[in-house]
Amino acid sequence: MKTCTILGTEIAVTTMEETVRYIEEHMEELRGKYICVSNVHTTVTAYEDESYRKVQNGAAFALPDGKPLSLYSKKHGFPEAERVTGPDLMGELFARDNGLTHYFYGGSEATIGTLREKLPKEYPHLKIAGMVSPPYRPLTKEEDAAQVEAMNASGADIIWIGLGAPKQERYMFEHQGLTQGVMVGVGAGFDYYAGTIRRAPMWMQKLSLEWLYRLMQDPKRLFKRYFVTNFKFLRLTLGRGKKSRGEKKS
């Protein structure tokens, strides 16, 4: 999969259709690996933190969840680049009768309970292998091993990780090779489908203002994440005129 280097992070140049098809056709190759769903916040964090940049670049691929990332790719030699959001990717894979099974790891007990009730009704073909809301505290080695064993015993193909960034990416990096399914970090994706967080209207998404909509819902927690890092991203990327091309290692 082609990538565009953005502040040191290799962001996939793809479309939703290509991404879904790639996951379906390369499931056996993806087992034990992980997929990052990247945005401005994670990209700036990776730029400033070498260890987290290693996590992002260690993924099978990092999808451009944030529209500024796909726009950057378009302006730097990849006109075909499109945005691929985590929640939309979930919906696309939920709706397809492709035989893949899904495991959900993350979110609160209330969120998981709502997902357990709502998803089978909205997606009749969806095969749910398991749903777990882990403790917010760090797990012991024994507890962590038991969680991985449960994931593998479920036979899940796709393991959705909803722990929030950067925790979920570090979790996936540390557990690569241990799971028998492919891990996909989707941040607030669980909450969107449970209805505990509302997505921005489509016009705001198209104008790259989804971050503002979320900021208005939770300004105290998200001010630094969105307002500060968004302006930092603009400052860091303005004037970078060189095209960044490359191919992701298999």
Protein backbone atom coordinates (compact mmCIF):
# COMPACT_ATOMS: atom_id res chain seq x y z
CA MET A 1 0.00 0.00 0.00
CA LYS A 2 1.42 3.38 -1.01
CA THR A 3 2.15 5.87 1.76
CA CYS A 4 2.79 9.57 2.13
CA THR A 5 5.23 10.66 4.82
CA ILE A 6 3.61 13.28 7.05
CA LEU A 7 5.83 14.64 9.83
CA GLY A 8 7.69 11.33 9.87
CA THR A 9 4.62 9.08 9.96
CA GLU A 10 3.80 6.87 6.98
CA ILE A 11 0.13 7.51 6.19
CA ALA A 12 -1.61 5.16 3.76
CA VAL A 13 -2.71 6.53 0.41
CA THR A 14 -6.00 4.73 -0.09
CA THR A 15 -9.79 4.94 -0.30
CA MET A 16 -12.50 3.33 1.79
CA GLU A 17 -13.28 0.82 -0.96
CA GLU A 18 -9.62 -0.13 -1.37
CA THR A 19 -9.13 -0.44 2.38
CA VAL A 20 -12.12 -2.72 2.89
CA ARG A 21 -11.11 -4.88 -0.05
CA TYR A 22 -7.52 -5.08 1.21
CA ILE A 23 -8.62 -6.23 4.67
CA GLU A 24 -10.97 -8.85 3.25
CA GLU A 25 -8.47 -10.19 0.72
CA HIS A 26 -5.39 -10.13 2.98
CA MET A 27 -6.87 -11.28 6.28
CA GLU A 28 -4.48 -14.20 6.64
CA GLU A 29 -1.48 -11.91 6.12
CA LEU A 30 -2.85 -9.37 8.61
CA ARG A 31 -3.37 -11.78 11.49
CA GLY A 32 -1.28 -10.78 14.49
CA LYS A 33 -0.68 -7.32 13.05
CA TYR A 34 -2.43 -4.02 13.71
CA ILE A 35 -3.90 -1.07 11.84
CA CYS A 36 -3.71 2.49 13.11
CA VAL A 37 -6.46 5.00 12.39
CA SER A 38 -4.47 8.22 12.42
CA ASN A 39 -5.40 11.89 12.68
CA VAL A 40 -3.73 15.24 13.27
CA HIS A 41 -3.41 14.58 17.01
CA THR A 42 -1.68 11.22 16.62
CA THR A 43 0.55 12.51 13.82
CA VAL A 44 1.76 15.50 15.82
CA THR A 45 2.22 13.27 18.87
CA ALA A 46 4.32 10.88 16.77
CA TYR A 47 6.37 13.81 15.44
CA GLU A 48 7.22 14.85 18.99
CA ASP A 49 7.61 11.36 20.49
CA GLU A 50 9.99 8.99 18.71
CA SER A 51 8.69 5.92 20.55
CA TYR A 52 5.13 6.66 19.46
CA ARG A 53 6.29 7.32 15.90
CA LYS A 54 7.79 3.83 15.97
CA VAL A 55 4.39 2.51 17.06
CA GLN A 56 2.59 4.29 14.22
CA ASN A 57 5.09 3.18 11.60
CA GLY A 58 5.12 -0.37 12.94
CA ALA A 59 1.51 -0.90 11.86
CA ALA A 60 0.48 -2.86 8.79
CA PHE A 61 -0.71 0.57 7.71
CA ALA A 62 -1.92 3.83 9.23
CA LEU A 63 -5.17 5.11 7.75
CA PRO A 64 -5.88 8.85 7.25
CA ASP A 65 -8.81 9.24 9.65
CA GLY A 66 -8.26 13.00 9.82
CA LYS A 67 -9.12 14.83 6.61
CA PRO A 68 -6.09 17.16 6.89
CA LEU A 69 -3.94 14.05 6.38
CA SER A 70 -5.61 13.06 3.12
CA LEU A 71 -5.55 16.69 1.96
CA TYR A 72 -1.82 16.84 2.69
CA SER A 73 -1.30 13.67 0.64
CA LYS A 74 -3.32 15.13 -2.25
CA LYS A 75 -1.15 18.25 -2.26
CA HIS A 76 2.06 16.26 -2.13
CA GLY A 77 1.74 14.00 -5.11
CA PHE A 78 -1.15 11.68 -4.32
CA PRO A 79 -4.35 13.08 -5.88
CA GLU A 80 -6.10 9.74 -5.32
CA ALA A 81 -5.80 9.98 -1.51
CA GLU A 82 -9.07 9.96 0.42
CA ARG A 83 -10.07 10.08 4.05
CA VAL A 84 -10.79 6.71 5.72
CA THR A 85 -12.33 7.21 9.16
CA GLY A 86 -12.42 4.60 11.86
CA PRO A 87 -16.20 4.75 12.46
CA ASP A 88 -16.92 4.59 8.72
CA LEU A 89 -14.57 1.63 8.31
CA MET A 90 -16.39 -0.15 11.13
CA GLY A 91 -19.73 0.47 9.45
CA GLU A 92 -18.52 -0.74 6.07
CA LEU A 93 -17.19 -4.00 7.53
CA PHE A 94 -20.21 -4.48 9.80
CA ALA A 95 -22.58 -4.28 6.83
CA ARG A 96 -20.80 -6.79 4.61
CA ASP A 97 -21.80 -10.43 4.66
CA ASN A 98 -18.19 -11.59 4.26
CA GLY A 99 -18.00 -14.20 7.03
CA LEU A 100 -15.52 -12.21 9.14
CA THR A 101 -16.02 -12.28 12.91
CA HIS A 102 -15.57 -9.25 15.16
CA TYR A 103 -14.29 -8.78 18.72
CA PHE A 104 -14.65 -5.54 20.69
CA TYR A 105 -12.09 -4.61 23.34
CA GLY A 106 -12.43 -1.27 25.12
CA GLY A 107 -15.05 1.26 26.12
CA SER A 108 -17.06 1.37 29.33
CA GLU A 109 -19.37 -1.36 30.59
CA ALA A 110 -22.34 0.83 29.66
CA THR A 111 -21.02 1.37 26.13
CA ILE A 112 -20.34 -2.33 25.60
CA GLY A 113 -23.79 -3.18 26.94
CA THR A 114 -25.41 -0.81 24.45
CA LEU A 115 -23.32 -2.17 21.56
CA ARG A 116 -24.29 -5.71 22.49
CA GLU A 117 -27.94 -4.73 22.20
CA LYS A 118 -27.85 -2.38 19.19
CA LEU A 119 -25.37 -3.87 16.71
CA PRO A 120 -27.19 -7.18 16.02
CA LYS A 121 -30.36 -5.22 15.26
CA GLU A 122 -28.66 -2.74 12.93
CA TYR A 123 -26.36 -5.28 11.23
CA PRO A 124 -28.10 -8.69 11.02
CA HIS A 125 -25.13 -10.31 9.24
CA LEU A 126 -22.60 -9.10 11.82
CA LYS A 127 -20.81 -11.97 13.56
CA ILE A 128 -19.79 -10.88 17.04
CA ALA A 129 -17.19 -13.14 18.65
CA GLY A 130 -16.95 -11.23 21.92
CA MET A 131 -17.15 -7.90 23.71
CA VAL A 132 -15.02 -6.86 26.69
CA SER A 133 -14.71 -3.65 28.68
CA PRO A 134 -11.30 -3.94 30.38
CA PRO A 135 -10.55 -2.23 33.70
CA TYR A 136 -9.23 1.33 33.43
CA ARG A 137 -6.32 0.39 35.67
CA PRO A 138 -3.24 -1.36 34.26
CA LEU A 139 -3.76 -5.09 33.94
CA THR A 140 -1.49 -7.61 35.62
CA LYS A 141 0.49 -9.91 33.33
CA GLU A 142 -1.88 -12.72 34.19
CA GLU A 143 -4.98 -10.64 33.46
CA ASP A 144 -3.53 -9.41 30.18
CA ALA A 145 -2.63 -12.94 29.09
CA ALA A 146 -6.16 -14.08 29.94
CA GLN A 147 -7.64 -11.30 27.80
CA VAL A 148 -5.49 -12.28 24.82
CA GLU A 149 -6.39 -15.93 25.32
CA ALA A 150 -10.08 -14.99 25.27
CA MET A 151 -9.62 -13.02 22.04
CA ASN A 152 -7.92 -15.95 20.36
CA ALA A 153 -10.35 -18.53 21.71
CA SER A 154 -13.21 -16.51 20.22
CA GLY A 155 -11.84 -17.07 16.72
CA ALA A 156 -12.18 -13.35 15.92
CA ASP A 157 -10.81 -12.11 12.62
CA ILE A 158 -11.00 -8.39 13.44
CA ILE A 159 -10.31 -7.13 16.96
CA TRP A 160 -11.57 -3.58 17.38
CA ILE A 161 -9.54 -1.76 20.04
CA GLY A 162 -11.31 1.23 21.60
CA LEU A 163 -8.94 2.47 24.27
CA GLY A 164 -8.31 5.97 22.90
CA ALA A 165 -5.09 7.35 21.48
CA PRO A 166 -2.23 6.94 22.19
CA LYS A 167 -3.07 4.10 24.60
CA GLN A 168 -4.70 1.87 22.00
CA GLU A 169 -1.81 2.15 19.55
CA ARG A 170 0.73 1.30 22.24
CA TYR A 171 -1.47 -1.64 23.28
CA MET A 172 -1.56 -2.96 19.73
CA PHE A 173 2.19 -2.51 19.28
CA GLU A 174 2.88 -4.46 22.48
CA HIS A 175 0.46 -7.25 21.52
CA GLN A 176 1.42 -7.71 17.87
CA GLY A 177 2.13 -11.34 17.12
CA LEU A 178 0.08 -12.46 20.13
CA THR A 179 -3.40 -12.17 18.65
CA GLN A 180 -4.78 -14.41 15.94
CA GLY A 181 -6.89 -11.61 14.47
CA VAL A 182 -5.91 -8.19 13.16
CA MET A 183 -6.24 -5.35 15.68
CA VAL A 184 -7.73 -2.03 14.56
CA GLY A 185 -7.59 1.01 16.88
CA VAL A 186 -10.77 3.05 16.51
CA GLY A 187 -10.73 5.50 19.41
CA ALA A 188 -14.24 6.79 20.04
CA GLY A 189 -15.75 4.45 17.46
CA PHE A 190 -17.46 2.37 20.15
CA ASP A 191 -19.15 5.46 21.56
CA TYR A 192 -20.37 6.58 18.14
CA TYR A 193 -22.15 3.29 17.53
CA ALA A 194 -23.49 3.18 21.09
CA GLY A 195 -24.80 6.72 20.65
CA THR A 196 -22.98 8.16 23.66
CA ILE A 197 -21.06 10.54 21.37
CA ARG A 198 -22.65 12.19 18.34
CA ARG A 199 -20.74 12.48 15.07
CA ALA A 200 -20.47 15.85 13.38
CA PRO A 201 -22.93 16.58 10.57
CA MET A 202 -21.63 15.69 7.12
CA TRP A 203 -21.04 19.30 6.10
CA MET A 204 -18.63 19.73 9.03
CA GLN A 205 -16.87 16.47 8.15
CA LYS A 206 -16.38 17.64 4.56
CA LEU A 207 -14.92 20.94 5.78
CA SER A 208 -12.47 19.19 8.15
CA LEU A 209 -14.37 20.55 11.15
CA GLU A 210 -15.29 17.30 12.88
CA TRP A 211 -12.69 18.09 15.51
CA LEU A 212 -14.53 21.34 16.32
CA TYR A 213 -17.81 19.49 16.78
CA ARG A 214 -16.20 17.09 19.24
CA LEU A 215 -14.46 19.96 20.98
CA MET A 216 -17.81 21.67 21.56
CA GLN A 217 -19.13 18.48 23.18
CA ASP A 218 -16.20 18.07 25.58
CA PRO A 219 -14.12 21.29 25.60
CA LYS A 220 -12.32 20.74 28.91
CA ARG A 221 -10.88 17.36 27.95
CA LEU A 222 -10.31 17.95 24.25
CA PHE A 223 -9.08 21.56 24.06
CA LYS A 224 -5.39 20.70 24.04
CA ARG A 225 -5.86 17.63 21.84
CA TYR A 226 -7.67 19.46 19.07
CA PHE A 227 -7.11 23.19 19.27
CA VAL A 228 -3.44 23.17 20.19
CA THR A 229 -2.35 20.22 18.04
CA ASN A 230 -4.34 21.39 14.99
CA PHE A 231 -2.54 24.71 14.92
CA LYS A 232 0.76 22.98 15.60
CA PHE A 233 0.10 20.70 12.61
CA LEU A 234 -0.54 23.70 10.37
CA ARG A 235 2.64 25.41 11.56
CA LEU A 236 4.74 22.29 11.03
CA THR A 237 3.37 21.41 7.60
CA LEU A 238 3.15 24.85 6.02
CA GLY A 239 5.96 25.34 3.58
CA ARG A 240 6.77 21.66 3.24
CA GLY A 241 6.70 21.54 -0.51
CA LYS A 242 8.58 18.36 -1.22
CA LYS A 243 6.61 15.37 -2.37
CA SER A 244 6.84 12.39 -0.08
CA ARG A 245 6.40 9.08 -1.80
CA GLY A 246 7.03 5.55 -0.59
CA GLU A 247 5.69 2.07 -0.22
CA LYS A 248 4.85 0.34 3.01
CA LYS A 249 6.92 -2.70 3.88
CA SER A 250 4.99 -5.94 3.59
